[in-house]
């Protein structure tokens, strides 16, 4: 799969399919695109060119290990769009990725056809979010508690209540406190893209989650309010909408992208 050099980073991405280009951007976690988007159903990916970039902090991309910025990661998204055949492309981002795709659309409107931001946030200046991410980061020396906290923050109680013991253990183990994940968390706590959002010209769908324990739903609603003409939809879900309500999620996104 392709690897391109963007400044100091060797950015890995995967590309498959044939049709309109859809770039799926991951959020916090070193597992990158495959961990977040690897379970996208065939009916969503069929008839599209799917591009899965691993941004700095993800295991498949190598860089200097320095501080991450929105500008740096947006530059990587733009470079992947251009390297994979150019735009216009649809950008779909989750969590931190939902923030990044909005910033990318503001920076390079010529490359972007439509935007879907899922549980994105325009800034980190929210007491609940700051406390959550700071607490999560403080658990880095205890991988088991780090993973358990991530699970409780990512899913609604009702969804977790339906998992068997083995599945829950696997979910807990899926988020590890390695260097890449901690770099992402550090960036989460410094995000502020408020000034760029009025420049988003592409039609934009913003999805918020009422039971989100990671990104407060009012922050996601604020992201939508700051993007001119955006469409805002709220799910009765925890942070990872496409795990809790996959059919409705992918149908809603597909309909918007069509």
C-alpha atoms as a PDB file:
ATOM      1  CA  UNK A   1       0.000   0.000   0.000  1.00  0.00           C
ATOM      2  CA  UNK A   2       1.214   3.540  -0.731  1.00  0.00           C
ATOM      3  CA  UNK A   3       3.497   5.512   1.573  1.00  0.00           C
ATOM      4  CA  UNK A   4       4.195   9.179   0.894  1.00  0.00           C
ATOM      5  CA  UNK A   5       6.559  11.642   2.528  1.00  0.00           C
ATOM      6  CA  UNK A   6       4.881  14.691   4.039  1.00  0.00           C
ATOM      7  CA  UNK A   7       7.416  16.965   5.730  1.00  0.00           C
ATOM      8  CA  UNK A   8       9.124  14.642   8.260  1.00  0.00           C
ATOM      9  CA  UNK A   9       6.481  11.892   8.140  1.00  0.00           C
ATOM     10  CA  UNK A  10       6.211   8.797   5.969  1.00  0.00           C
ATOM     11  CA  UNK A  11       2.430   8.563   5.770  1.00  0.00           C
ATOM     12  CA  UNK A  12       0.866   5.188   4.979  1.00  0.00           C
ATOM     13  CA  UNK A  13      -2.544   4.873   3.385  1.00  0.00           C
ATOM     14  CA  UNK A  14      -4.667   2.145   1.845  1.00  0.00           C
ATOM     15  CA  UNK A  15      -6.818   2.534  -1.236  1.00  0.00           C
ATOM     16  CA  UNK A  16      -9.376   0.179  -2.705  1.00  0.00           C
ATOM     17  CA  UNK A  17     -12.475   0.103  -4.876  1.00  0.00           C
ATOM     18  CA  UNK A  18     -13.605   2.110  -7.852  1.00  0.00           C
ATOM     19  CA  UNK A  19     -15.885   5.125  -7.923  1.00  0.00           C
ATOM     20  CA  UNK A  20     -16.194   8.485  -6.164  1.00  0.00           C
ATOM     21  CA  UNK A  21     -13.414   8.931  -3.639  1.00  0.00           C
ATOM     22  CA  UNK A  22     -14.245   8.747   0.062  1.00  0.00           C
ATOM     23  CA  UNK A  23     -11.438   9.404   2.551  1.00  0.00           C
ATOM     24  CA  UNK A  24     -12.096   7.952   6.014  1.00  0.00           C
ATOM     25  CA  UNK A  25     -10.092   9.722   8.726  1.00  0.00           C
ATOM     26  CA  UNK A  26      -9.502   8.069  12.093  1.00  0.00           C
ATOM     27  CA  UNK A  27      -9.551   9.639  15.529  1.00  0.00           C
ATOM     28  CA  UNK A  28      -7.401   9.223  18.641  1.00  0.00           C
ATOM     29  CA  UNK A  29      -5.471   5.964  18.900  1.00  0.00           C
ATOM     30  CA  UNK A  30      -2.390   4.406  17.365  1.00  0.00           C
ATOM     31  CA  UNK A  31      -4.486   1.690  15.690  1.00  0.00           C
ATOM     32  CA  UNK A  32      -5.288   4.215  12.983  1.00  0.00           C
ATOM     33  CA  UNK A  33      -7.724   3.807  10.119  1.00  0.00           C
ATOM     34  CA  UNK A  34      -8.052   0.021  10.162  1.00  0.00           C
ATOM     35  CA  UNK A  35      -9.053  -0.034  13.839  1.00  0.00           C
ATOM     36  CA  UNK A  36     -11.685   2.665  13.369  1.00  0.00           C
ATOM     37  CA  UNK A  37     -13.024   2.027   9.865  1.00  0.00           C
ATOM     38  CA  UNK A  38     -12.087  -1.608   9.208  1.00  0.00           C
ATOM     39  CA  UNK A  39     -15.624  -2.805   9.942  1.00  0.00           C
ATOM     40  CA  UNK A  40     -17.367  -0.539   7.415  1.00  0.00           C
ATOM     41  CA  UNK A  41     -20.004  -2.720   5.682  1.00  0.00           C
ATOM     42  CA  UNK A  42     -19.685  -3.755   2.058  1.00  0.00           C
ATOM     43  CA  UNK A  43     -22.825  -1.858   1.097  1.00  0.00           C
ATOM     44  CA  UNK A  44     -21.151   1.368   2.266  1.00  0.00           C
ATOM     45  CA  UNK A  45     -17.840   0.795   0.466  1.00  0.00           C
ATOM     46  CA  UNK A  46     -19.325  -0.660  -2.744  1.00  0.00           C
ATOM     47  CA  UNK A  47     -19.160   1.725  -5.692  1.00  0.00           C
ATOM     48  CA  UNK A  48     -16.609   3.984  -4.008  1.00  0.00           C
ATOM     49  CA  UNK A  49     -12.876   4.425  -3.965  1.00  0.00           C
ATOM     50  CA  UNK A  50     -12.098   4.134  -0.243  1.00  0.00           C
ATOM     51  CA  UNK A  51      -8.940   5.785   1.066  1.00  0.00           C
ATOM     52  CA  UNK A  52      -7.755   5.013   4.607  1.00  0.00           C
ATOM     53  CA  UNK A  53      -4.875   7.254   5.726  1.00  0.00           C
ATOM     54  CA  UNK A  54      -2.879   6.601   8.888  1.00  0.00           C
ATOM     55  CA  UNK A  55      -1.919  10.002  10.267  1.00  0.00           C
ATOM     56  CA  UNK A  56       1.067  10.709  12.499  1.00  0.00           C
ATOM     57  CA  UNK A  57       0.600   8.880  15.778  1.00  0.00           C
ATOM     58  CA  UNK A  58      -0.782   5.786  14.051  1.00  0.00           C
ATOM     59  CA  UNK A  59       1.525   2.766  14.019  1.00  0.00           C
ATOM     60  CA  UNK A  60       1.813   2.476  10.245  1.00  0.00           C
ATOM     61  CA  UNK A  61       3.107   6.042   9.835  1.00  0.00           C
ATOM     62  CA  UNK A  62       6.612   7.021  10.921  1.00  0.00           C
ATOM     63  CA  UNK A  63       7.693  10.527  11.850  1.00  0.00           C
ATOM     64  CA  UNK A  64      10.064  12.369  14.192  1.00  0.00           C
ATOM     65  CA  UNK A  65       7.855  11.821  17.250  1.00  0.00           C
ATOM     66  CA  UNK A  66       7.375  15.549  17.779  1.00  0.00           C
ATOM     67  CA  UNK A  67       4.323  17.474  18.906  1.00  0.00           C
ATOM     68  CA  UNK A  68       1.268  17.027  16.720  1.00  0.00           C
ATOM     69  CA  UNK A  69      -0.767  19.954  15.437  1.00  0.00           C
ATOM     70  CA  UNK A  70      -3.996  20.265  13.497  1.00  0.00           C
ATOM     71  CA  UNK A  71      -2.072  21.933  10.684  1.00  0.00           C
ATOM     72  CA  UNK A  72       0.392  19.056  10.464  1.00  0.00           C
ATOM     73  CA  UNK A  73      -2.285  16.338  10.295  1.00  0.00           C
ATOM     74  CA  UNK A  74      -4.462  18.335   7.899  1.00  0.00           C
ATOM     75  CA  UNK A  75      -1.427  18.629   5.631  1.00  0.00           C
ATOM     76  CA  UNK A  76      -1.167  14.836   5.659  1.00  0.00           C
ATOM     77  CA  UNK A  77      -4.842  14.422   4.724  1.00  0.00           C
ATOM     78  CA  UNK A  78      -4.445  16.878   1.839  1.00  0.00           C
ATOM     79  CA  UNK A  79      -1.287  15.120   0.628  1.00  0.00           C
ATOM     80  CA  UNK A  80      -3.066  11.742   0.645  1.00  0.00           C
ATOM     81  CA  UNK A  81      -6.009  13.146  -1.349  1.00  0.00           C
ATOM     82  CA  UNK A  82      -3.614  14.549  -3.934  1.00  0.00           C
ATOM     83  CA  UNK A  83      -1.413  11.445  -4.079  1.00  0.00           C
ATOM     84  CA  UNK A  84      -4.391   9.113  -4.489  1.00  0.00           C
ATOM     85  CA  UNK A  85      -5.575  10.845  -7.641  1.00  0.00           C
ATOM     86  CA  UNK A  86      -6.655  14.289  -6.479  1.00  0.00           C
ATOM     87  CA  UNK A  87     -10.024  15.725  -5.646  1.00  0.00           C
ATOM     88  CA  UNK A  88     -12.742  16.479  -5.232  1.00  0.00           C
ATOM     89  CA  UNK A  89     -13.121  13.862  -2.505  1.00  0.00           C
ATOM     90  CA  UNK A  90     -15.618  13.224   0.243  1.00  0.00           C
ATOM     91  CA  UNK A  91     -14.036  13.436   3.704  1.00  0.00           C
ATOM     92  CA  UNK A  92     -15.504  11.438   6.590  1.00  0.00           C
ATOM     93  CA  UNK A  93     -13.837  11.851   9.987  1.00  0.00           C
ATOM     94  CA  UNK A  94     -14.490  10.442  13.434  1.00  0.00           C
ATOM     95  CA  UNK A  95     -13.754  12.252  16.738  1.00  0.00           C
ATOM     96  CA  UNK A  96     -10.377  13.990  16.292  1.00  0.00           C
ATOM     97  CA  UNK A  97     -10.750  12.979  12.651  1.00  0.00           C
ATOM     98  CA  UNK A  98     -14.094  14.800  12.573  1.00  0.00           C
ATOM     99  CA  UNK A  99     -12.272  17.940  13.613  1.00  0.00           C
ATOM    100  CA  UNK A 100      -9.508  17.401  11.065  1.00  0.00           C
ATOM    101  CA  UNK A 101     -11.791  16.898   8.051  1.00  0.00           C
ATOM    102  CA  UNK A 102     -13.557  20.173   8.799  1.00  0.00           C
ATOM    103  CA  UNK A 103     -10.196  21.950   9.038  1.00  0.00           C
ATOM    104  CA  UNK A 104      -9.058  20.312   5.783  1.00  0.00           C
ATOM    105  CA  UNK A 105     -12.206  21.479   3.993  1.00  0.00           C
ATOM    106  CA  UNK A 106     -11.573  25.022   5.218  1.00  0.00           C
ATOM    107  CA  UNK A 107      -7.955  24.927   4.033  1.00  0.00           C
ATOM    108  CA  UNK A 108      -8.459  23.325   0.617  1.00  0.00           C
ATOM    109  CA  UNK A 109     -12.055  23.706  -0.572  1.00  0.00           C
ATOM    110  CA  UNK A 110     -10.969  22.812  -4.110  1.00  0.00           C
ATOM    111  CA  UNK A 111     -10.179  19.239  -3.003  1.00  0.00           C
ATOM    112  CA  UNK A 112     -13.358  18.563  -1.033  1.00  0.00           C
ATOM    113  CA  UNK A 113     -16.819  17.661  -2.362  1.00  0.00           C
ATOM    114  CA  UNK A 114     -18.647  16.812   0.872  1.00  0.00           C
ATOM    115  CA  UNK A 115     -17.737  16.506   4.564  1.00  0.00           C
ATOM    116  CA  UNK A 116     -19.063  14.239   7.303  1.00  0.00           C
ATOM    117  CA  UNK A 117     -17.843  15.036  10.819  1.00  0.00           C
ATOM    118  CA  UNK A 118     -18.752  12.431  13.431  1.00  0.00           C
ATOM    119  CA  UNK A 119     -18.340  13.441  17.101  1.00  0.00           C
ATOM    120  CA  UNK A 120     -15.961  16.207  16.094  1.00  0.00           C
ATOM    121  CA  UNK A 121     -15.226  19.254  18.220  1.00  0.00           C
ATOM    122  CA  UNK A 122     -14.214  22.833  17.364  1.00  0.00           C
ATOM    123  CA  UNK A 123     -12.059  23.367  20.458  1.00  0.00           C
ATOM    124  CA  UNK A 124     -11.035  21.717  23.711  1.00  0.00           C
ATOM    125  CA  UNK A 125     -12.251  24.483  26.011  1.00  0.00           C
ATOM    126  CA  UNK A 126     -14.925  22.411  27.751  1.00  0.00           C
ATOM    127  CA  UNK A 127     -14.537  21.336  31.406  1.00  0.00           C
ATOM    128  CA  UNK A 128     -16.064  17.873  30.923  1.00  0.00           C
ATOM    129  CA  UNK A 129     -13.933  17.072  27.909  1.00  0.00           C
ATOM    130  CA  UNK A 130     -10.745  18.420  29.462  1.00  0.00           C
ATOM    131  CA  UNK A 131     -11.227  16.445  32.664  1.00  0.00           C
ATOM    132  CA  UNK A 132     -12.007  13.285  30.710  1.00  0.00           C
ATOM    133  CA  UNK A 133      -8.918  13.486  28.497  1.00  0.00           C
ATOM    134  CA  UNK A 134      -6.633  14.570  31.336  1.00  0.00           C
ATOM    135  CA  UNK A 135      -7.810  11.664  33.479  1.00  0.00           C
ATOM    136  CA  UNK A 136      -7.402   9.257  30.579  1.00  0.00           C
ATOM    137  CA  UNK A 137      -3.853  10.474  29.960  1.00  0.00           C
ATOM    138  CA  UNK A 138      -2.993  10.143  33.670  1.00  0.00           C
ATOM    139  CA  UNK A 139      -3.773   6.390  33.488  1.00  0.00           C
ATOM    140  CA  UNK A 140      -1.029   5.724  30.940  1.00  0.00           C
ATOM    141  CA  UNK A 141       1.135   3.864  33.466  1.00  0.00           C
ATOM    142  CA  UNK A 142      -1.656   1.318  34.007  1.00  0.00           C
ATOM    143  CA  UNK A 143      -2.653  -0.175  30.619  1.00  0.00           C
ATOM    144  CA  UNK A 144      -5.589  -2.144  32.022  1.00  0.00           C
ATOM    145  CA  UNK A 145      -7.236   0.893  33.631  1.00  0.00           C
ATOM    146  CA  UNK A 146      -6.346   3.022  30.594  1.00  0.00           C
ATOM    147  CA  UNK A 147      -8.265   0.626  28.352  1.00  0.00           C
ATOM    148  CA  UNK A 148     -11.212   0.286  30.720  1.00  0.00           C
ATOM    149  CA  UNK A 149     -11.567   4.051  31.002  1.00  0.00           C
ATOM    150  CA  UNK A 150     -11.482   4.400  27.211  1.00  0.00           C
ATOM    151  CA  UNK A 151     -14.268   1.819  26.891  1.00  0.00           C
ATOM    152  CA  UNK A 152     -16.516   3.503  29.458  1.00  0.00           C
ATOM    153  CA  UNK A 153     -15.984   6.884  27.764  1.00  0.00           C
ATOM    154  CA  UNK A 154     -16.514   5.536  24.254  1.00  0.00           C
ATOM    155  CA  UNK A 155     -19.734   3.543  24.651  1.00  0.00           C
ATOM    156  CA  UNK A 156     -23.102   4.153  26.243  1.00  0.00           C
ATOM    157  CA  UNK A 157     -24.024   2.102  29.353  1.00  0.00           C
ATOM    158  CA  UNK A 158     -26.833   0.381  27.495  1.00  0.00           C
ATOM    159  CA  UNK A 159     -24.499  -0.799  24.742  1.00  0.00           C
ATOM    160  CA  UNK A 160     -21.846  -2.031  27.184  1.00  0.00           C
ATOM    161  CA  UNK A 161     -24.526  -3.848  29.165  1.00  0.00           C
ATOM    162  CA  UNK A 162     -25.229  -6.013  26.146  1.00  0.00           C
ATOM    163  CA  UNK A 163     -21.645  -7.265  25.709  1.00  0.00           C
ATOM    164  CA  UNK A 164     -20.478 -10.614  27.041  1.00  0.00           C
ATOM    165  CA  UNK A 165     -17.387 -10.822  29.233  1.00  0.00           C
ATOM    166  CA  UNK A 166     -15.033 -11.911  26.451  1.00  0.00           C
ATOM    167  CA  UNK A 167     -16.131  -9.197  24.050  1.00  0.00           C
ATOM    168  CA  UNK A 168     -15.839  -6.542  26.743  1.00  0.00           C
ATOM    169  CA  UNK A 169     -12.297  -7.697  27.579  1.00  0.00           C
ATOM    170  CA  UNK A 170     -11.334  -7.488  23.910  1.00  0.00           C
ATOM    171  CA  UNK A 171     -12.753  -3.972  23.642  1.00  0.00           C
ATOM    172  CA  UNK A 172     -10.830  -2.909  26.759  1.00  0.00           C
ATOM    173  CA  UNK A 173      -7.605  -4.265  25.274  1.00  0.00           C
ATOM    174  CA  UNK A 174      -8.109  -2.430  22.000  1.00  0.00           C
ATOM    175  CA  UNK A 175      -6.909   0.951  23.247  1.00  0.00           C
ATOM    176  CA  UNK A 176      -3.350   0.926  24.546  1.00  0.00           C
ATOM    177  CA  UNK A 177      -1.388   3.812  26.137  1.00  0.00           C
ATOM    178  CA  UNK A 178       1.468   3.842  23.637  1.00  0.00           C
ATOM    179  CA  UNK A 179       3.322   6.889  22.384  1.00  0.00           C
ATOM    180  CA  UNK A 180       1.066   7.482  19.387  1.00  0.00           C
ATOM    181  CA  UNK A 181      -2.160   7.413  21.384  1.00  0.00           C
ATOM    182  CA  UNK A 182      -0.728   9.766  23.996  1.00  0.00           C
ATOM    183  CA  UNK A 183       0.396  12.176  21.277  1.00  0.00           C
ATOM    184  CA  UNK A 184      -3.152  12.214  19.951  1.00  0.00           C
ATOM    185  CA  UNK A 185      -4.578  12.864  23.423  1.00  0.00           C
ATOM    186  CA  UNK A 186      -2.169  15.751  23.851  1.00  0.00           C
ATOM    187  CA  UNK A 187      -3.431  17.241  20.594  1.00  0.00           C
ATOM    188  CA  UNK A 188      -7.069  16.699  21.610  1.00  0.00           C
ATOM    189  CA  UNK A 189      -6.414  18.966  24.581  1.00  0.00           C
ATOM    190  CA  UNK A 190      -5.016  21.756  22.359  1.00  0.00           C
ATOM    191  CA  UNK A 191      -7.494  21.783  19.456  1.00  0.00           C
ATOM    192  CA  UNK A 192      -9.019  25.085  18.399  1.00  0.00           C
ATOM    193  CA  UNK A 193     -10.292  25.402  14.816  1.00  0.00           C
ATOM    194  CA  UNK A 194     -13.030  27.958  15.482  1.00  0.00           C
ATOM    195  CA  UNK A 195     -11.530  30.637  13.235  1.00  0.00           C
ATOM    196  CA  UNK A 196     -11.301  28.328  10.214  1.00  0.00           C
ATOM    197  CA  UNK A 197     -14.825  26.859  10.323  1.00  0.00           C
ATOM    198  CA  UNK A 198     -16.618  29.769   8.561  1.00  0.00           C
ATOM    199  CA  UNK A 199     -14.427  28.986   5.517  1.00  0.00           C
ATOM    200  CA  UNK A 200     -15.890  25.497   5.070  1.00  0.00           C
ATOM    201  CA  UNK A 201     -17.732  25.729   1.753  1.00  0.00           C
ATOM    202  CA  UNK A 202     -18.525  22.056   1.085  1.00  0.00           C
ATOM    203  CA  UNK A 203     -21.902  20.640   2.123  1.00  0.00           C
ATOM    204  CA  UNK A 204     -21.312  19.250   5.606  1.00  0.00           C
ATOM    205  CA  UNK A 205     -23.090  16.713   7.782  1.00  0.00           C
ATOM    206  CA  UNK A 206     -22.253  16.814  11.498  1.00  0.00           C
ATOM    207  CA  UNK A 207     -23.268  13.855  13.672  1.00  0.00           C
ATOM    208  CA  UNK A 208     -23.487  14.298  17.432  1.00  0.00           C
ATOM    209  CA  UNK A 209     -24.162  11.670  20.092  1.00  0.00           C
ATOM    210  CA  UNK A 210     -26.429  12.361  23.068  1.00  0.00           C
ATOM    211  CA  UNK A 211     -24.713   9.804  25.331  1.00  0.00           C
ATOM    212  CA  UNK A 212     -21.153  10.690  24.298  1.00  0.00           C
ATOM    213  CA  UNK A 213     -18.831  10.402  27.293  1.00  0.00           C
ATOM    214  CA  UNK A 214     -15.747  11.438  25.315  1.00  0.00           C
ATOM    215  CA  UNK A 215     -16.777  14.515  23.321  1.00  0.00           C
ATOM    216  CA  UNK A 216     -19.713  16.387  24.912  1.00  0.00           C
ATOM    217  CA  UNK A 217     -22.561  16.559  22.435  1.00  0.00           C
ATOM    218  CA  UNK A 218     -22.884  20.323  22.862  1.00  0.00           C
ATOM    219  CA  UNK A 219     -19.344  20.699  21.514  1.00  0.00           C
ATOM    220  CA  UNK A 220     -20.275  18.735  18.404  1.00  0.00           C
ATOM    221  CA  UNK A 221     -23.408  20.853  18.008  1.00  0.00           C
ATOM    222  CA  UNK A 222     -21.219  23.955  18.256  1.00  0.00           C
ATOM    223  CA  UNK A 223     -19.036  22.616  15.450  1.00  0.00           C
ATOM    224  CA  UNK A 224     -22.135  22.393  13.262  1.00  0.00           C
ATOM    225  CA  UNK A 225     -23.287  25.883  14.220  1.00  0.00           C
ATOM    226  CA  UNK A 226     -19.953  27.353  13.124  1.00  0.00           C
ATOM    227  CA  UNK A 227     -20.012  25.729   9.660  1.00  0.00           C
ATOM    228  CA  UNK A 228     -22.241  27.728   7.277  1.00  0.00           C
ATOM    229  CA  UNK A 229     -25.236  25.750   6.038  1.00  0.00           C
ATOM    230  CA  UNK A 230     -24.248  22.494   7.727  1.00  0.00           C
ATOM    231  CA  UNK A 231     -26.732  19.741   8.551  1.00  0.00           C
ATOM    232  CA  UNK A 232     -26.751  18.494  12.137  1.00  0.00           C
ATOM    233  CA  UNK A 233     -28.076  15.073  13.167  1.00  0.00           C
ATOM    234  CA  UNK A 234     -28.054  13.665  16.687  1.00  0.00           C
ATOM    235  CA  UNK A 235     -27.955   9.964  17.549  1.00  0.00           C
ATOM    236  CA  UNK A 236     -29.065   8.416  20.844  1.00  0.00           C
ATOM    237  CA  UNK A 237     -25.643   6.795  21.128  1.00  0.00           C
ATOM    238  CA  UNK A 238     -22.292   6.818  22.834  1.00  0.00           C
ATOM    239  CA  UNK A 239     -19.133   8.168  21.192  1.00  0.00           C
ATOM    240  CA  UNK A 240     -18.634   5.365  18.648  1.00  0.00           C
ATOM    241  CA  UNK A 241     -21.894   5.755  16.748  1.00  0.00           C
ATOM    242  CA  UNK A 242     -21.071   3.279  13.995  1.00  0.00           C
ATOM    243  CA  UNK A 243     -20.508   0.499  16.549  1.00  0.00           C
ATOM    244  CA  UNK A 244     -23.727   1.145  18.472  1.00  0.00           C
ATOM    245  CA  UNK A 245     -26.029   1.964  15.554  1.00  0.00           C
ATOM    246  CA  UNK A 246     -24.186   0.777  12.443  1.00  0.00           C
ATOM    247  CA  UNK A 247     -27.111   0.384  10.050  1.00  0.00           C
ATOM    248  CA  UNK A 248     -28.609   3.820  10.695  1.00  0.00           C
ATOM    249  CA  UNK A 249     -25.169   5.414  10.737  1.00  0.00           C
ATOM    250  CA  UNK A 250     -23.977   4.098   7.389  1.00  0.00           C
ATOM    251  CA  UNK A 251     -27.389   4.667   5.778  1.00  0.00           C
ATOM    252  CA  UNK A 252     -27.400   8.295   6.965  1.00  0.00           C
ATOM    253  CA  UNK A 253     -23.847   8.930   5.744  1.00  0.00           C
ATOM    254  CA  UNK A 254     -24.437   7.150   2.430  1.00  0.00           C
ATOM    255  CA  UNK A 255     -27.584   9.159   1.756  1.00  0.00           C
ATOM    256  CA  UNK A 256     -25.756  12.420   2.446  1.00  0.00           C
ATOM    257  CA  UNK A 257     -22.792  11.503   0.240  1.00  0.00           C
ATOM    258  CA  UNK A 258     -25.124  10.548  -2.614  1.00  0.00           C
END
